[in-house]
Amino acid sequence: MPSIGETLREARMRQRLDIADVEDKTKIRAKYLRALENEEFSMLPGPTFVKTFLRTYAEVLGLDPQRLMDEYRANYESRGDDLEQLQPLGPRTTARERRPRGGGGGPRPLAVIAAGIAVVLAVLVVLGLTGNDDNGGGDHSANTNTTATTPKKKKKRQPPPTPTRVRLRIAPTVPTYICVDRGLGTEVVFAGIIDAPRTFHGKRLRVNLGKTSIEMRKNGKPVQIEQTPNPVGFEFTPTSTKSLPVGERPCA
């Protein structure tokens, strides 16, 4: 009849599982699974864990856990390896000291404290034993990839390009005489009375106005004109606007 370890190993091999697979299914460290298969039960913290892990291992492999548990009790617990008996904490007391005052039958404080400590220790050991084993079947931790987001830099608003030509729009409010040329000594572009808006283009424009009852826009921006009954003149470049004296106005 095969032993406990042979039964576990043969069942695992028949199902083509390795220790890492069983570790992942049972959450028992690989070194304890190997100890069960090799019947090295002293490597486990105590009989309580041996029986717990043995039952879990057998259920995962589809074996009868009760038969393996009975065989373990018969072959190993009879040897005095059972460590489940807790030693009393503190000095021994006499029967008279242990007897509760007043004849009450309530639980002894020392026994309650010992039981509580044992439960806490057992929980901590189980949590440590069922963690991932670095020497077992590899690293089963999942790598979480995080994508770093780089804040977008605000683009600086670029200033509009400096115009290289003049676009002059003249809109009279009443019929008005105007004379336009493109600089001193150039031919006159227009001379006459207008009663509707006119637009002129050039790298440089000179204007002679018979009246100031007009609206002018240079490259889309309004030109401030001082209201006066006398004729006025202006010279426009892409970057400047200046008044012209009488002798420098076109058609003067």
Protein backbone atom coordinates (compact mmCIF):
# COMPACT_ATOMS: atom_id res chain seq x y z
CA MET A 1 0.00 0.00 0.00
CA PRO A 2 1.58 3.34 -1.01
CA SER A 3 2.47 5.80 1.71
CA ILE A 4 0.92 9.25 2.17
CA GLY A 5 3.66 10.98 0.21
CA GLU A 6 3.64 8.45 -2.63
CA THR A 7 -0.15 8.73 -2.90
CA LEU A 8 0.04 12.52 -3.23
CA ARG A 9 2.95 12.48 -5.67
CA GLU A 10 1.45 9.79 -7.94
CA ALA A 11 -1.91 11.59 -8.05
CA ARG A 12 -0.21 14.85 -8.95
CA MET A 13 1.88 13.22 -11.68
CA ARG A 14 -1.16 11.50 -13.17
CA GLN A 15 -2.84 14.89 -13.53
CA ARG A 16 0.37 16.35 -15.04
CA LEU A 17 0.64 19.05 -12.41
CA ASP A 18 3.84 20.45 -11.02
CA ILE A 19 4.38 21.88 -7.57
CA ALA A 20 3.84 25.42 -8.86
CA ASP A 21 0.39 24.48 -10.22
CA VAL A 22 -0.65 22.98 -6.88
CA GLU A 23 0.77 25.96 -5.02
CA ASP A 24 -1.38 28.26 -7.13
CA LYS A 25 -4.51 26.17 -6.50
CA THR A 26 -4.04 25.59 -2.76
CA LYS A 27 -2.19 28.82 -1.81
CA ILE A 28 0.17 26.59 0.22
CA ARG A 29 3.89 27.26 -0.12
CA ALA A 30 5.74 24.92 -2.40
CA LYS A 31 8.23 23.86 0.30
CA TYR A 32 5.38 22.57 2.47
CA LEU A 33 3.84 20.68 -0.45
CA ARG A 34 7.19 18.99 -1.04
CA ALA A 35 7.45 18.21 2.68
CA LEU A 36 4.07 16.44 2.52
CA GLU A 37 5.15 14.37 -0.49
CA ASN A 38 8.44 13.47 1.21
CA GLU A 39 6.64 12.85 4.54
CA GLU A 40 8.96 15.35 6.21
CA PHE A 41 6.21 16.52 8.53
CA SER A 42 8.68 18.06 10.97
CA MET A 43 9.25 20.88 8.43
CA LEU A 44 5.69 22.10 9.11
CA PRO A 45 4.92 24.15 12.24
CA GLY A 46 2.85 21.41 13.85
CA PRO A 47 0.33 18.59 13.41
CA THR A 48 -2.53 21.07 13.08
CA PHE A 49 -1.00 22.50 9.91
CA VAL A 50 0.01 19.05 8.67
CA LYS A 51 -3.59 17.86 8.80
CA THR A 52 -4.99 21.11 7.39
CA PHE A 53 -2.56 21.17 4.42
CA LEU A 54 -2.91 17.41 3.90
CA ARG A 55 -6.70 17.72 3.63
CA THR A 56 -6.45 20.67 1.22
CA TYR A 57 -3.84 18.93 -0.96
CA ALA A 58 -5.90 15.72 -1.14
CA GLU A 59 -9.11 17.58 -2.10
CA VAL A 60 -7.34 19.44 -4.94
CA LEU A 61 -6.02 16.13 -6.32
CA GLY A 62 -9.42 14.45 -6.00
CA LEU A 63 -8.24 12.02 -3.30
CA ASP A 64 -10.07 10.87 -0.19
CA PRO A 65 -8.73 13.20 2.50
CA GLN A 66 -10.18 11.15 5.33
CA ARG A 67 -8.14 8.05 4.41
CA LEU A 68 -4.90 10.09 4.37
CA MET A 69 -5.83 11.76 7.67
CA ASP A 70 -6.46 8.37 9.31
CA GLU A 71 -3.14 7.04 8.05
CA TYR A 72 -1.33 10.11 9.37
CA ARG A 73 -2.94 9.77 12.82
CA ALA A 74 -2.14 6.10 12.95
CA ASN A 75 1.51 6.39 11.88
CA TYR A 76 2.61 9.75 13.27
CA GLU A 77 0.36 11.09 16.01
CA SER A 78 0.94 7.90 18.01
CA ARG A 79 4.63 8.81 18.16
CA GLY A 80 3.90 11.78 20.39
CA ASP A 81 4.43 14.38 17.65
CA ASP A 82 1.15 16.12 18.41
CA LEU A 83 2.07 19.63 19.43
CA GLU A 84 -1.44 20.90 19.76
CA GLN A 85 -1.39 20.66 23.55
CA LEU A 86 -0.73 24.13 24.89
CA GLN A 87 1.50 24.42 27.97
CA PRO A 88 -0.08 26.49 30.76
CA LEU A 89 1.34 29.99 31.03
CA GLY A 90 2.68 31.27 34.34
CA PRO A 91 3.57 29.39 37.52
CA ARG A 92 1.64 26.35 38.64
CA THR A 93 -1.08 26.97 41.18
CA THR A 94 -2.52 24.70 43.78
CA ALA A 95 -6.01 23.36 43.63
CA ARG A 96 -7.05 25.78 46.33
CA GLU A 97 -5.66 28.77 44.33
CA ARG A 98 -7.39 27.60 41.15
CA ARG A 99 -10.74 27.24 42.88
CA PRO A 100 -12.93 30.29 42.01
CA ARG A 101 -14.07 32.35 44.92
CA GLY A 102 -17.72 32.17 45.83
CA GLY A 103 -18.14 28.72 44.28
CA GLY A 104 -18.70 30.12 40.80
CA GLY A 105 -18.10 27.94 37.75
CA GLY A 106 -16.99 30.69 35.34
CA PRO A 107 -13.92 30.36 33.04
CA ARG A 108 -10.49 30.79 34.63
CA PRO A 109 -8.81 34.07 33.49
CA LEU A 110 -5.47 32.39 32.83
CA ALA A 111 -6.99 29.75 30.58
CA VAL A 112 -8.96 32.40 28.65
CA ILE A 113 -5.81 34.47 28.06
CA ALA A 114 -3.84 31.41 26.95
CA ALA A 115 -6.56 30.38 24.52
CA GLY A 116 -6.73 33.89 23.06
CA ILE A 117 -2.96 34.04 22.53
CA ALA A 118 -3.02 30.63 20.86
CA VAL A 119 -5.74 31.71 18.42
CA VAL A 120 -3.88 34.89 17.47
CA LEU A 121 -0.62 33.00 16.92
CA ALA A 122 -2.36 30.36 14.81
CA VAL A 123 -3.94 33.02 12.56
CA LEU A 124 -0.61 34.80 12.07
CA VAL A 125 1.19 31.55 11.21
CA VAL A 126 -1.49 30.53 8.68
CA LEU A 127 -1.25 33.92 6.98
CA GLY A 128 2.53 33.52 6.73
CA LEU A 129 2.37 29.95 5.46
CA THR A 130 -0.15 30.57 2.73
CA GLY A 131 1.74 33.49 1.14
CA ASN A 132 3.72 33.25 -2.07
CA ASP A 133 6.99 31.27 -1.80
CA ASP A 134 9.89 32.99 -3.54
CA ASN A 135 11.71 29.61 -3.83
CA GLY A 136 8.65 27.71 -5.06
CA GLY A 137 7.00 27.82 -8.40
CA GLY A 138 8.10 31.23 -9.51
CA ASP A 139 6.69 34.63 -9.10
CA HIS A 140 2.92 34.74 -9.45
CA SER A 141 2.56 38.44 -8.76
CA ALA A 142 0.95 40.46 -11.48
CA ASN A 143 2.85 43.35 -12.92
CA THR A 144 0.76 46.43 -13.20
CA ASN A 145 1.76 48.70 -16.02
CA THR A 146 1.04 52.31 -15.42
CA THR A 147 1.04 54.81 -18.17
CA ALA A 148 2.47 58.12 -17.14
CA THR A 149 0.56 61.05 -18.51
CA THR A 150 2.61 64.09 -19.40
CA PRO A 151 0.75 67.34 -18.93
CA LYS A 152 0.39 69.22 -22.16
CA LYS A 153 2.28 72.45 -22.32
CA LYS A 154 0.23 75.43 -23.25
CA LYS A 155 1.39 76.88 -26.52
CA LYS A 156 2.37 80.48 -26.33
CA ARG A 157 0.21 82.63 -28.52
CA GLN A 158 2.37 83.91 -31.33
CA PRO A 159 2.01 87.62 -32.12
CA PRO A 160 0.47 88.34 -35.51
CA PRO A 161 3.03 88.88 -38.25
CA THR A 162 3.94 92.45 -39.03
CA PRO A 163 2.11 93.59 -42.18
CA THR A 164 4.27 94.50 -45.17
CA ARG A 165 1.62 96.45 -47.10
CA VAL A 166 -1.07 99.02 -46.38
CA ARG A 167 -4.73 98.33 -47.02
CA LEU A 168 -6.60 101.62 -46.64
CA ARG A 169 -10.41 101.82 -46.69
CA ILE A 170 -12.00 105.29 -46.98
CA ALA A 171 -15.75 105.57 -46.33
CA PRO A 172 -17.25 109.08 -46.68
CA THR A 173 -20.34 110.12 -44.75
CA VAL A 174 -20.97 112.86 -47.36
CA PRO A 175 -19.46 113.26 -50.84
CA THR A 176 -15.78 114.11 -50.25
CA TYR A 177 -12.79 114.99 -52.42
CA ILE A 178 -9.72 112.76 -51.97
CA CYS A 179 -6.33 112.41 -53.65
CA VAL A 180 -4.19 109.30 -53.17
CA ASP A 181 -0.64 108.42 -54.33
CA ARG A 182 2.04 105.91 -53.16
CA GLY A 183 4.73 108.35 -52.07
CA LEU A 184 6.52 111.54 -52.98
CA GLY A 185 7.17 111.73 -56.72
CA THR A 186 4.84 108.82 -57.62
CA GLU A 187 1.83 108.93 -59.91
CA VAL A 188 -1.57 109.77 -58.43
CA VAL A 189 -3.63 106.61 -57.83
CA PHE A 190 -6.95 108.39 -57.49
CA ALA A 191 -8.16 111.98 -57.42
CA GLY A 192 -11.83 112.96 -57.27
CA ILE A 193 -15.01 113.06 -55.22
CA ILE A 194 -16.27 109.80 -53.68
CA ASP A 195 -19.67 109.11 -52.16
CA ALA A 196 -19.11 105.39 -51.43
CA PRO A 197 -16.31 103.43 -49.70
CA ARG A 198 -13.09 102.93 -51.67
CA THR A 199 -10.10 100.73 -50.81
CA PHE A 200 -6.48 101.37 -51.79
CA HIS A 201 -3.36 99.16 -51.49
CA GLY A 202 0.37 99.85 -51.45
CA LYS A 203 3.57 99.65 -49.45
CA ARG A 204 3.11 103.36 -48.76
CA LEU A 205 0.04 105.58 -49.28
CA ARG A 206 -0.38 109.33 -49.05
CA VAL A 207 -3.89 110.82 -48.77
CA ASN A 208 -5.16 114.37 -49.15
CA LEU A 209 -8.74 114.84 -47.82
CA GLY A 210 -10.93 117.79 -48.69
CA LYS A 211 -13.12 117.12 -45.62
CA THR A 212 -12.82 115.11 -42.42
CA SER A 213 -16.36 113.73 -42.68
CA ILE A 214 -15.07 110.27 -43.46
CA GLU A 215 -14.09 107.01 -41.74
CA MET A 216 -10.73 105.40 -42.50
CA ARG A 217 -9.40 101.94 -41.63
CA LYS A 218 -5.78 100.88 -42.09
CA ASN A 219 -5.36 97.10 -42.27
CA GLY A 220 -8.72 96.68 -40.56
CA LYS A 221 -8.05 99.09 -37.68
CA PRO A 222 -9.77 102.48 -37.42
CA VAL A 223 -7.73 105.66 -37.95
CA GLN A 224 -8.46 108.49 -35.54
CA ILE A 225 -9.16 111.74 -37.47
CA GLU A 226 -9.47 115.11 -35.83
CA GLN A 227 -12.66 116.82 -36.98
CA THR A 228 -11.81 120.11 -38.72
CA PRO A 229 -13.32 122.21 -41.53
CA ASN A 230 -9.91 122.40 -43.22
CA PRO A 231 -8.33 119.82 -45.53
CA VAL A 232 -6.00 117.30 -43.92
CA GLY A 233 -3.35 114.88 -45.17
CA PHE A 234 -1.79 111.61 -43.98
CA GLU A 235 1.00 109.25 -44.89
CA PHE A 236 0.53 105.54 -44.14
CA THR A 237 3.13 102.76 -43.93
CA PRO A 238 2.57 99.23 -42.55
CA THR A 239 3.97 100.31 -39.18
CA SER A 240 3.20 104.06 -38.92
CA THR A 241 0.63 106.78 -39.55
CA LYS A 242 1.56 110.48 -39.60
CA SER A 243 0.01 113.78 -40.61
CA LEU A 244 1.34 115.59 -43.66
CA PRO A 245 1.81 119.34 -43.90
CA VAL A 246 0.18 121.12 -46.82
CA GLY A 247 3.26 121.18 -49.02
CA GLU A 248 3.77 117.43 -48.82
CA ARG A 249 0.23 116.28 -49.59
CA PRO A 250 -0.59 114.73 -52.96
CA CYS A 251 -2.41 116.97 -55.46
CA ALA A 252 -1.52 120.00 -53.32
